[in-house]
Amino acid sequence: MRGGRGCVVQEINLYDLLKYYARNWLLLLSAVFVGAIIGLTYTNFIQTPLYKSDATMLVVGARTSQDATINNNYTELFKSRRVLETVIEQQGYTGNYEQLLTRTTATNDKNTDIIKVSIADTDPKKSEQLLSASLEIFKKEASSLYNSSNIKTVDAASTPAQSYNVNLLLQTSLAVAATFFLVVIALFFVYDYRMSNPIKTQPAKSKKTVKATSTKTRTAKKPAKKPATAKAKVTQPQSVFRRLGTLLTGAIVPTPSQTPATKKTK
């Protein structure tokens, strides 16, 4: 398949892709176990559990059109430095204002006079103490600013029994899903690369070709035979007397082995 500007787009067969995933089932199963281990390790040993104490307040009294936004002012006042910094000094909080602010919430239910507040801490008992102190200081500051004591506590600060930011099942499931998804994507790219760059294999040789090749190899390994050379005849040197006789008589004097044996006469 050819795309725009002459680029070639490789078509992927879904059936072959699923078979490729099935062949790598062990890797996918390992991803599930690794994700579970990561989720459990993070939840139990790395993540800091926080315990949240909640309380509810009610703004009482007649309301007019001029103070329609007073509840929003109260929620912002509860999170102000005027309240929280006083709480830090009284309760001996180890953090600063910004740290306590990130763990403090104050909301107003729409079309109601209900204000819900909460403070979280690593110690459940400490979170209750911080919230109780914040409620008392907030009432005093609101009374001094608005010259009214129209804020009543509906639900006092609670003692949390369990952390609100730790969910073992949810966080482990998310870690497993994320790890599995990453492995699936990695396998997809590996499959696409192999489809785009197939490995070239050489054709198998026939038995006759293999035999002929082995025969040639054996022949080439045998050393070439040296041509036989005739042995040089070794001539024995003639004696001095034989040479002298040859010079005098002009004939070769026969050797004792060449003279015929004579019979002795009686």
C-alpha atoms as a PDB file:
ATOM      1  CA  MET A   1       0.000   0.000   0.000  1.00  0.00           C
ATOM      2  CA  ARG A   2       1.411   3.418  -1.026  1.00  0.00           C
ATOM      3  CA  GLY A   3       0.680   6.558   0.960  1.00  0.00           C
ATOM      4  CA  GLY A   4       1.128  10.239   0.193  1.00  0.00           C
ATOM      5  CA  ARG A   5       4.378  11.610  -1.236  1.00  0.00           C
ATOM      6  CA  GLY A   6       5.491   8.175  -2.387  1.00  0.00           C
ATOM      7  CA  CYS A   7       5.896   6.669   1.074  1.00  0.00           C
ATOM      8  CA  VAL A   8       5.137   2.977   1.455  1.00  0.00           C
ATOM      9  CA  VAL A   9       2.754   1.928   4.245  1.00  0.00           C
ATOM     10  CA  GLN A  10       3.089  -1.671   5.422  1.00  0.00           C
ATOM     11  CA  GLU A  11      -0.248  -3.427   5.851  1.00  0.00           C
ATOM     12  CA  ILE A  12      -0.583  -5.425   9.063  1.00  0.00           C
ATOM     13  CA  ASN A  13      -2.524  -8.656   9.193  1.00  0.00           C
ATOM     14  CA  LEU A  14      -4.533  -8.695  12.408  1.00  0.00           C
ATOM     15  CA  TYR A  15      -4.617 -12.489  12.536  1.00  0.00           C
ATOM     16  CA  ASP A  16      -0.828 -12.745  12.192  1.00  0.00           C
ATOM     17  CA  LEU A  17      -0.415 -10.035  14.822  1.00  0.00           C
ATOM     18  CA  LEU A  18      -2.589 -11.945  17.294  1.00  0.00           C
ATOM     19  CA  LYS A  19      -0.629 -15.119  16.587  1.00  0.00           C
ATOM     20  CA  TYR A  20       2.578 -13.193  17.276  1.00  0.00           C
ATOM     21  CA  TYR A  21       1.182 -12.083  20.629  1.00  0.00           C
ATOM     22  CA  ALA A  22       0.144 -15.668  21.375  1.00  0.00           C
ATOM     23  CA  ARG A  23       3.686 -16.897  20.688  1.00  0.00           C
ATOM     24  CA  ASN A  24       4.978 -14.338  23.206  1.00  0.00           C
ATOM     25  CA  TRP A  25       2.441 -15.182  25.919  1.00  0.00           C
ATOM     26  CA  LEU A  26       5.204 -15.748  28.448  1.00  0.00           C
ATOM     27  CA  LEU A  27       6.443 -12.190  28.033  1.00  0.00           C
ATOM     28  CA  LEU A  28       2.920 -10.822  28.467  1.00  0.00           C
ATOM     29  CA  LEU A  29       2.412 -12.920  31.588  1.00  0.00           C
ATOM     30  CA  SER A  30       5.718 -11.654  32.976  1.00  0.00           C
ATOM     31  CA  ALA A  31       4.512  -8.090  32.415  1.00  0.00           C
ATOM     32  CA  VAL A  32       1.475  -8.799  34.583  1.00  0.00           C
ATOM     33  CA  PHE A  33       3.628 -10.113  37.434  1.00  0.00           C
ATOM     34  CA  VAL A  34       6.084  -7.218  37.155  1.00  0.00           C
ATOM     35  CA  GLY A  35       3.240  -4.695  37.218  1.00  0.00           C
ATOM     36  CA  ALA A  36       1.740  -6.329  40.303  1.00  0.00           C
ATOM     37  CA  ILE A  37       5.106  -6.235  42.088  1.00  0.00           C
ATOM     38  CA  ILE A  38       5.587  -2.555  41.187  1.00  0.00           C
ATOM     39  CA  GLY A  39       2.100  -1.640  42.408  1.00  0.00           C
ATOM     40  CA  LEU A  40       2.451  -3.498  45.689  1.00  0.00           C
ATOM     41  CA  THR A  41       5.931  -2.128  46.337  1.00  0.00           C
ATOM     42  CA  TYR A  42       4.884   1.479  45.688  1.00  0.00           C
ATOM     43  CA  THR A  43       1.697   1.226  47.768  1.00  0.00           C
ATOM     44  CA  ASN A  44       3.216  -0.507  50.791  1.00  0.00           C
ATOM     45  CA  PHE A  45       6.768   0.883  50.937  1.00  0.00           C
ATOM     46  CA  ILE A  46       7.034   4.137  48.945  1.00  0.00           C
ATOM     47  CA  GLN A  47       3.730   6.000  49.112  1.00  0.00           C
ATOM     48  CA  THR A  48       3.098   8.056  52.264  1.00  0.00           C
ATOM     49  CA  PRO A  49      -0.378   7.372  53.700  1.00  0.00           C
ATOM     50  CA  LEU A  50      -2.378  10.423  54.754  1.00  0.00           C
ATOM     51  CA  TYR A  51      -5.274  10.457  57.224  1.00  0.00           C
ATOM     52  CA  LYS A  52      -7.968  13.075  56.717  1.00  0.00           C
ATOM     53  CA  SER A  53     -10.087  14.515  59.509  1.00  0.00           C
ATOM     54  CA  ASP A  54     -13.443  16.066  58.424  1.00  0.00           C
ATOM     55  CA  ALA A  55     -15.805  18.574  60.008  1.00  0.00           C
ATOM     56  CA  THR A  56     -18.975  20.421  59.009  1.00  0.00           C
ATOM     57  CA  MET A  57     -20.052  23.991  59.827  1.00  0.00           C
ATOM     58  CA  LEU A  58     -23.305  25.868  59.289  1.00  0.00           C
ATOM     59  CA  VAL A  59     -23.724  29.576  58.630  1.00  0.00           C
ATOM     60  CA  VAL A  60     -26.940  30.598  60.446  1.00  0.00           C
ATOM     61  CA  GLY A  61     -28.972  33.795  60.291  1.00  0.00           C
ATOM     62  CA  ALA A  62     -30.922  35.653  57.665  1.00  0.00           C
ATOM     63  CA  ARG A  63     -29.196  36.202  54.356  1.00  0.00           C
ATOM     64  CA  THR A  64     -29.673  39.153  52.026  1.00  0.00           C
ATOM     65  CA  SER A  65     -28.642  39.845  48.455  1.00  0.00           C
ATOM     66  CA  GLN A  66     -25.585  41.771  49.687  1.00  0.00           C
ATOM     67  CA  ASP A  67     -23.996  38.820  51.503  1.00  0.00           C
ATOM     68  CA  ALA A  68     -24.748  36.123  48.898  1.00  0.00           C
ATOM     69  CA  THR A  69     -21.032  35.378  48.565  1.00  0.00           C
ATOM     70  CA  ILE A  70     -20.274  35.295  52.279  1.00  0.00           C
ATOM     71  CA  ASN A  71     -19.933  31.520  52.346  1.00  0.00           C
ATOM     72  CA  ASN A  72     -17.190  31.703  49.691  1.00  0.00           C
ATOM     73  CA  ASN A  73     -15.446  34.311  51.828  1.00  0.00           C
ATOM     74  CA  TYR A  74     -15.603  31.958  54.795  1.00  0.00           C
ATOM     75  CA  THR A  75     -14.014  29.098  52.839  1.00  0.00           C
ATOM     76  CA  GLU A  76     -11.130  31.328  51.760  1.00  0.00           C
ATOM     77  CA  LEU A  77     -10.727  32.659  55.299  1.00  0.00           C
ATOM     78  CA  PHE A  78     -10.407  29.134  56.659  1.00  0.00           C
ATOM     79  CA  LYS A  79      -7.405  28.516  54.326  1.00  0.00           C
ATOM     80  CA  SER A  80      -5.788  31.904  54.929  1.00  0.00           C
ATOM     81  CA  ARG A  81      -2.487  32.563  56.685  1.00  0.00           C
ATOM     82  CA  ARG A  82      -4.387  34.327  59.440  1.00  0.00           C
ATOM     83  CA  VAL A  83      -5.860  30.997  60.493  1.00  0.00           C
ATOM     84  CA  LEU A  84      -3.355  28.305  59.459  1.00  0.00           C
ATOM     85  CA  GLU A  85      -0.192  30.068  60.660  1.00  0.00           C
ATOM     86  CA  THR A  86      -1.774  30.466  64.083  1.00  0.00           C
ATOM     87  CA  VAL A  87      -2.576  26.742  64.054  1.00  0.00           C
ATOM     88  CA  ILE A  88       1.044  25.937  63.194  1.00  0.00           C
ATOM     89  CA  GLU A  89       2.309  27.969  66.156  1.00  0.00           C
ATOM     90  CA  GLN A  90      -0.180  26.536  68.636  1.00  0.00           C
ATOM     91  CA  GLN A  91       0.068  22.872  67.611  1.00  0.00           C
ATOM     92  CA  GLY A  92       3.820  22.766  66.915  1.00  0.00           C
ATOM     93  CA  TYR A  93       3.340  21.662  63.324  1.00  0.00           C
ATOM     94  CA  THR A  94       6.688  20.663  61.758  1.00  0.00           C
ATOM     95  CA  GLY A  95       5.794  21.909  58.263  1.00  0.00           C
ATOM     96  CA  ASN A  96       5.259  25.402  56.909  1.00  0.00           C
ATOM     97  CA  TYR A  97       2.146  27.192  55.715  1.00  0.00           C
ATOM     98  CA  GLU A  98       2.376  25.952  52.126  1.00  0.00           C
ATOM     99  CA  GLN A  99       2.633  22.320  53.232  1.00  0.00           C
ATOM    100  CA  LEU A 100      -0.354  22.602  55.544  1.00  0.00           C
ATOM    101  CA  LEU A 101      -2.333  24.445  52.860  1.00  0.00           C
ATOM    102  CA  THR A 102      -1.904  21.589  50.370  1.00  0.00           C
ATOM    103  CA  ARG A 103      -3.478  19.241  52.948  1.00  0.00           C
ATOM    104  CA  THR A 104      -6.346  21.554  53.852  1.00  0.00           C
ATOM    105  CA  THR A 105      -9.710  21.769  52.057  1.00  0.00           C
ATOM    106  CA  ALA A 106     -12.745  24.009  52.562  1.00  0.00           C
ATOM    107  CA  THR A 107     -15.809  23.800  50.295  1.00  0.00           C
ATOM    108  CA  ASN A 108     -19.304  25.217  50.274  1.00  0.00           C
ATOM    109  CA  ASP A 109     -22.178  23.103  48.989  1.00  0.00           C
ATOM    110  CA  LYS A 110     -24.015  24.948  46.253  1.00  0.00           C
ATOM    111  CA  ASN A 111     -27.171  26.781  47.306  1.00  0.00           C
ATOM    112  CA  THR A 112     -26.637  25.808  50.950  1.00  0.00           C
ATOM    113  CA  ASP A 113     -25.112  27.335  54.085  1.00  0.00           C
ATOM    114  CA  ILE A 114     -23.014  24.227  54.750  1.00  0.00           C
ATOM    115  CA  ILE A 115     -19.215  24.531  54.823  1.00  0.00           C
ATOM    116  CA  LYS A 116     -17.165  21.327  54.845  1.00  0.00           C
ATOM    117  CA  VAL A 117     -13.533  21.463  55.941  1.00  0.00           C
ATOM    118  CA  SER A 118     -10.777  18.875  56.343  1.00  0.00           C
ATOM    119  CA  ILE A 119      -7.076  18.589  57.203  1.00  0.00           C
ATOM    120  CA  ALA A 120      -4.856  15.587  56.380  1.00  0.00           C
ATOM    121  CA  ASP A 121      -1.705  14.396  58.116  1.00  0.00           C
ATOM    122  CA  THR A 122       0.473  11.294  58.314  1.00  0.00           C
ATOM    123  CA  ASP A 123      -0.777  10.769  61.897  1.00  0.00           C
ATOM    124  CA  PRO A 124      -4.551  10.303  62.255  1.00  0.00           C
ATOM    125  CA  LYS A 125      -4.592  11.756  65.766  1.00  0.00           C
ATOM    126  CA  LYS A 126      -2.570  14.775  64.668  1.00  0.00           C
ATOM    127  CA  SER A 127      -4.964  15.503  61.812  1.00  0.00           C
ATOM    128  CA  GLU A 128      -7.881  15.617  64.289  1.00  0.00           C
ATOM    129  CA  GLN A 129      -5.989  18.000  66.571  1.00  0.00           C
ATOM    130  CA  LEU A 130      -5.043  20.312  63.707  1.00  0.00           C
ATOM    131  CA  LEU A 131      -8.629  20.491  62.456  1.00  0.00           C
ATOM    132  CA  SER A 132     -10.103  21.114  65.908  1.00  0.00           C
ATOM    133  CA  ALA A 133      -7.675  23.969  66.468  1.00  0.00           C
ATOM    134  CA  SER A 134      -8.438  25.377  63.021  1.00  0.00           C
ATOM    135  CA  LEU A 135     -12.187  25.429  63.749  1.00  0.00           C
ATOM    136  CA  GLU A 136     -11.729  27.395  66.952  1.00  0.00           C
ATOM    137  CA  ILE A 137      -9.347  29.927  65.417  1.00  0.00           C
ATOM    138  CA  PHE A 138     -11.555  30.310  62.332  1.00  0.00           C
ATOM    139  CA  LYS A 139     -14.622  31.147  64.439  1.00  0.00           C
ATOM    140  CA  LYS A 140     -12.710  33.796  66.354  1.00  0.00           C
ATOM    141  CA  GLU A 141     -11.335  35.413  63.190  1.00  0.00           C
ATOM    142  CA  ALA A 142     -14.718  35.356  61.446  1.00  0.00           C
ATOM    143  CA  SER A 143     -16.379  36.883  64.504  1.00  0.00           C
ATOM    144  CA  SER A 144     -13.786  39.679  64.670  1.00  0.00           C
ATOM    145  CA  LEU A 145     -14.046  40.443  60.950  1.00  0.00           C
ATOM    146  CA  TYR A 146     -17.823  40.278  60.493  1.00  0.00           C
ATOM    147  CA  ASN A 147     -18.892  41.213  64.044  1.00  0.00           C
ATOM    148  CA  SER A 148     -21.128  38.177  64.082  1.00  0.00           C
ATOM    149  CA  SER A 149     -21.168  34.754  65.700  1.00  0.00           C
ATOM    150  CA  ASN A 150     -23.301  33.045  63.102  1.00  0.00           C
ATOM    151  CA  ILE A 151     -21.026  30.030  62.497  1.00  0.00           C
ATOM    152  CA  LYS A 152     -22.003  26.857  64.274  1.00  0.00           C
ATOM    153  CA  THR A 153     -20.280  23.477  64.293  1.00  0.00           C
ATOM    154  CA  VAL A 154     -22.471  20.679  62.964  1.00  0.00           C
ATOM    155  CA  ASP A 155     -19.946  17.822  62.953  1.00  0.00           C
ATOM    156  CA  ALA A 156     -16.819  18.092  65.065  1.00  0.00           C
ATOM    157  CA  ALA A 157     -13.410  16.964  63.803  1.00  0.00           C
ATOM    158  CA  SER A 158     -13.381  13.222  63.234  1.00  0.00           C
ATOM    159  CA  THR A 159     -10.623  10.703  63.887  1.00  0.00           C
ATOM    160  CA  PRO A 160      -9.815   8.911  60.621  1.00  0.00           C
ATOM    161  CA  ALA A 161      -9.571   5.141  60.799  1.00  0.00           C
ATOM    162  CA  GLN A 162      -7.752   4.603  57.499  1.00  0.00           C
ATOM    163  CA  SER A 163      -5.753   6.598  54.968  1.00  0.00           C
ATOM    164  CA  TYR A 164      -7.714   8.293  52.226  1.00  0.00           C
ATOM    165  CA  ASN A 165      -4.975   8.323  49.554  1.00  0.00           C
ATOM    166  CA  VAL A 166      -4.058   4.613  49.578  1.00  0.00           C
ATOM    167  CA  ASN A 167      -6.108   2.109  47.592  1.00  0.00           C
ATOM    168  CA  LEU A 168      -4.159  -1.129  47.305  1.00  0.00           C
ATOM    169  CA  LEU A 169      -6.425  -2.841  44.771  1.00  0.00           C
ATOM    170  CA  LEU A 170      -6.865   0.183  42.516  1.00  0.00           C
ATOM    171  CA  GLN A 171      -3.206   1.181  42.453  1.00  0.00           C
ATOM    172  CA  THR A 172      -1.996  -2.387  41.845  1.00  0.00           C
ATOM    173  CA  SER A 173      -4.501  -2.795  39.008  1.00  0.00           C
ATOM    174  CA  LEU A 174      -3.329   0.449  37.405  1.00  0.00           C
ATOM    175  CA  ALA A 175       0.321  -0.651  37.627  1.00  0.00           C
ATOM    176  CA  VAL A 176      -0.503  -4.031  36.049  1.00  0.00           C
ATOM    177  CA  ALA A 177      -2.503  -2.397  33.234  1.00  0.00           C
ATOM    178  CA  ALA A 178       0.235   0.161  32.526  1.00  0.00           C
ATOM    179  CA  THR A 179       3.015  -2.453  32.396  1.00  0.00           C
ATOM    180  CA  PHE A 180       0.942  -4.814  30.221  1.00  0.00           C
ATOM    181  CA  PHE A 181       0.075  -1.972  27.832  1.00  0.00           C
ATOM    182  CA  LEU A 182       3.737  -0.963  27.483  1.00  0.00           C
ATOM    183  CA  VAL A 183       4.772  -4.544  26.651  1.00  0.00           C
ATOM    184  CA  VAL A 184       1.965  -4.847  24.074  1.00  0.00           C
ATOM    185  CA  ILE A 185       3.155  -1.651  22.372  1.00  0.00           C
ATOM    186  CA  ALA A 186       6.798  -2.831  22.414  1.00  0.00           C
ATOM    187  CA  LEU A 187       5.837  -6.176  20.844  1.00  0.00           C
ATOM    188  CA  PHE A 188       3.819  -4.366  18.182  1.00  0.00           C
ATOM    189  CA  PHE A 189       6.833  -2.301  17.136  1.00  0.00           C
ATOM    190  CA  VAL A 190       9.026  -5.425  17.067  1.00  0.00           C
ATOM    191  CA  TYR A 191       6.438  -7.204  14.894  1.00  0.00           C
ATOM    192  CA  ASP A 192       6.179  -4.219  12.535  1.00  0.00           C
ATOM    193  CA  TYR A 193       9.965  -4.016  12.219  1.00  0.00           C
ATOM    194  CA  ARG A 194      10.251  -7.699  11.349  1.00  0.00           C
ATOM    195  CA  MET A 195       7.500  -7.397   8.758  1.00  0.00           C
ATOM    196  CA  SER A 196       9.205  -4.380   7.166  1.00  0.00           C
ATOM    197  CA  ASN A 197      12.678  -5.992   7.239  1.00  0.00           C
ATOM    198  CA  PRO A 198      12.286  -9.728   6.601  1.00  0.00           C
ATOM    199  CA  ILE A 199      15.354 -11.916   7.154  1.00  0.00           C
ATOM    200  CA  LYS A 200      16.721 -13.327   3.869  1.00  0.00           C
ATOM    201  CA  THR A 201      17.507 -17.045   4.024  1.00  0.00           C
ATOM    202  CA  GLN A 202      19.687 -18.947   1.518  1.00  0.00           C
ATOM    203  CA  PRO A 203      18.015 -21.843  -0.384  1.00  0.00           C
ATOM    204  CA  ALA A 204      18.811 -25.327   0.874  1.00  0.00           C
ATOM    205  CA  LYS A 205      21.396 -27.210  -1.201  1.00  0.00           C
ATOM    206  CA  SER A 206      20.525 -30.573  -2.729  1.00  0.00           C
ATOM    207  CA  LYS A 207      22.312 -33.763  -1.699  1.00  0.00           C
ATOM    208  CA  LYS A 208      24.120 -34.056  -5.037  1.00  0.00           C
ATOM    209  CA  THR A 209      25.465 -30.522  -4.727  1.00  0.00           C
ATOM    210  CA  VAL A 210      26.642 -31.182  -1.205  1.00  0.00           C
ATOM    211  CA  LYS A 211      28.429 -34.410  -2.290  1.00  0.00           C
ATOM    212  CA  ALA A 212      30.110 -32.695  -5.231  1.00  0.00           C
ATOM    213  CA  THR A 213      31.269 -29.864  -2.991  1.00  0.00           C
ATOM    214  CA  SER A 214      32.681 -32.270  -0.407  1.00  0.00           C
ATOM    215  CA  THR A 215      34.482 -34.243  -3.145  1.00  0.00           C
ATOM    216  CA  LYS A 216      36.071 -31.087  -4.517  1.00  0.00           C
ATOM    217  CA  THR A 217      37.131 -30.111  -1.041  1.00  0.00           C
ATOM    218  CA  ARG A 218      38.786 -33.469  -0.394  1.00  0.00           C
ATOM    219  CA  THR A 219      40.576 -33.337  -3.768  1.00  0.00           C
ATOM    220  CA  ALA A 220      41.859 -29.891  -3.075  1.00  0.00           C
ATOM    221  CA  LYS A 221      43.204 -30.956   0.301  1.00  0.00           C
ATOM    222  CA  LYS A 222      45.294 -33.855  -1.140  1.00  0.00           C
ATOM    223  CA  PRO A 223      48.912 -32.795  -1.841  1.00  0.00           C
ATOM    224  CA  ALA A 224      50.072 -32.989  -5.468  1.00  0.00           C
ATOM    225  CA  LYS A 225      52.374 -35.881  -6.315  1.00  0.00           C
ATOM    226  CA  LYS A 226      55.887 -34.960  -7.373  1.00  0.00           C
ATOM    227  CA  PRO A 227      56.957 -36.307 -10.804  1.00  0.00           C
ATOM    228  CA  ALA A 228      59.281 -39.248 -10.597  1.00  0.00           C
ATOM    229  CA  THR A 229      62.792 -38.309 -11.578  1.00  0.00           C
ATOM    230  CA  ALA A 230      65.199 -40.760 -13.022  1.00  0.00           C
ATOM    231  CA  LYS A 231      67.953 -41.681 -10.730  1.00  0.00           C
ATOM    232  CA  ALA A 232      71.239 -40.451 -11.912  1.00  0.00           C
ATOM    233  CA  LYS A 233      73.581 -43.204 -12.772  1.00  0.00           C
ATOM    234  CA  VAL A 234      76.590 -43.191 -10.596  1.00  0.00           C
ATOM    235  CA  THR A 235      79.713 -44.118 -12.498  1.00  0.00           C
ATOM    236  CA  GLN A 236      82.625 -45.437 -10.657  1.00  0.00           C
ATOM    237  CA  PRO A 237      85.863 -43.580 -11.313  1.00  0.00           C
ATOM    238  CA  GLN A 238      88.358 -45.414 -13.541  1.00  0.00           C
ATOM    239  CA  SER A 239      91.629 -46.528 -12.010  1.00  0.00           C
ATOM    240  CA  VAL A 240      94.922 -44.844 -12.878  1.00  0.00           C
ATOM    241  CA  PHE A 241      96.295 -47.984 -14.587  1.00  0.00           C
ATOM    242  CA  ARG A 242      93.197 -48.276 -16.802  1.00  0.00           C
ATOM    243  CA  ARG A 243      93.551 -44.721 -17.959  1.00  0.00           C
ATOM    244  CA  LEU A 244      97.226 -45.226 -18.628  1.00  0.00           C
ATOM    245  CA  GLY A 245      96.553 -48.379 -20.661  1.00  0.00           C
ATOM    246  CA  THR A 246      93.927 -46.542 -22.686  1.00  0.00           C
ATOM    247  CA  LEU A 247      96.353 -43.842 -23.593  1.00  0.00           C
ATOM    248  CA  LEU A 248      99.086 -46.303 -24.646  1.00  0.00           C
ATOM    249  CA  THR A 249      97.129 -48.853 -26.589  1.00  0.00           C
ATOM    250  CA  GLY A 250      94.183 -46.749 -27.719  1.00  0.00           C
ATOM    251  CA  ALA A 251      91.853 -49.489 -26.628  1.00  0.00           C
ATOM    252  CA  ILE A 252      90.016 -50.147 -23.473  1.00  0.00           C
ATOM    253  CA  VAL A 253      91.655 -52.793 -21.378  1.00  0.00           C
ATOM    254  CA  PRO A 254      88.949 -55.228 -20.320  1.00  0.00           C
ATOM    255  CA  THR A 255      88.302 -55.537 -16.636  1.00  0.00           C
ATOM    256  CA  PRO A 256      88.817 -58.886 -14.917  1.00  0.00           C
ATOM    257  CA  SER A 257      85.038 -59.352 -14.784  1.00  0.00           C
ATOM    258  CA  GLN A 258      84.777 -58.953 -18.610  1.00  0.00           C
ATOM    259  CA  THR A 259      87.620 -61.421 -19.584  1.00  0.00           C
ATOM    260  CA  PRO A 260      86.445 -64.954 -20.309  1.00  0.00           C
ATOM    261  CA  ALA A 261      87.384 -67.604 -17.886  1.00  0.00           C
ATOM    262  CA  THR A 262      90.036 -70.037 -19.321  1.00  0.00           C
ATOM    263  CA  LYS A 263      90.063 -73.602 -18.498  1.00  0.00           C
ATOM    264  CA  LYS A 264      93.297 -74.949 -16.986  1.00  0.00           C
ATOM    265  CA  THR A 265      94.905 -77.709 -19.000  1.00  0.00           C
ATOM    266  CA  LYS A 266      96.411 -80.580 -17.344  1.00  0.00           C
END
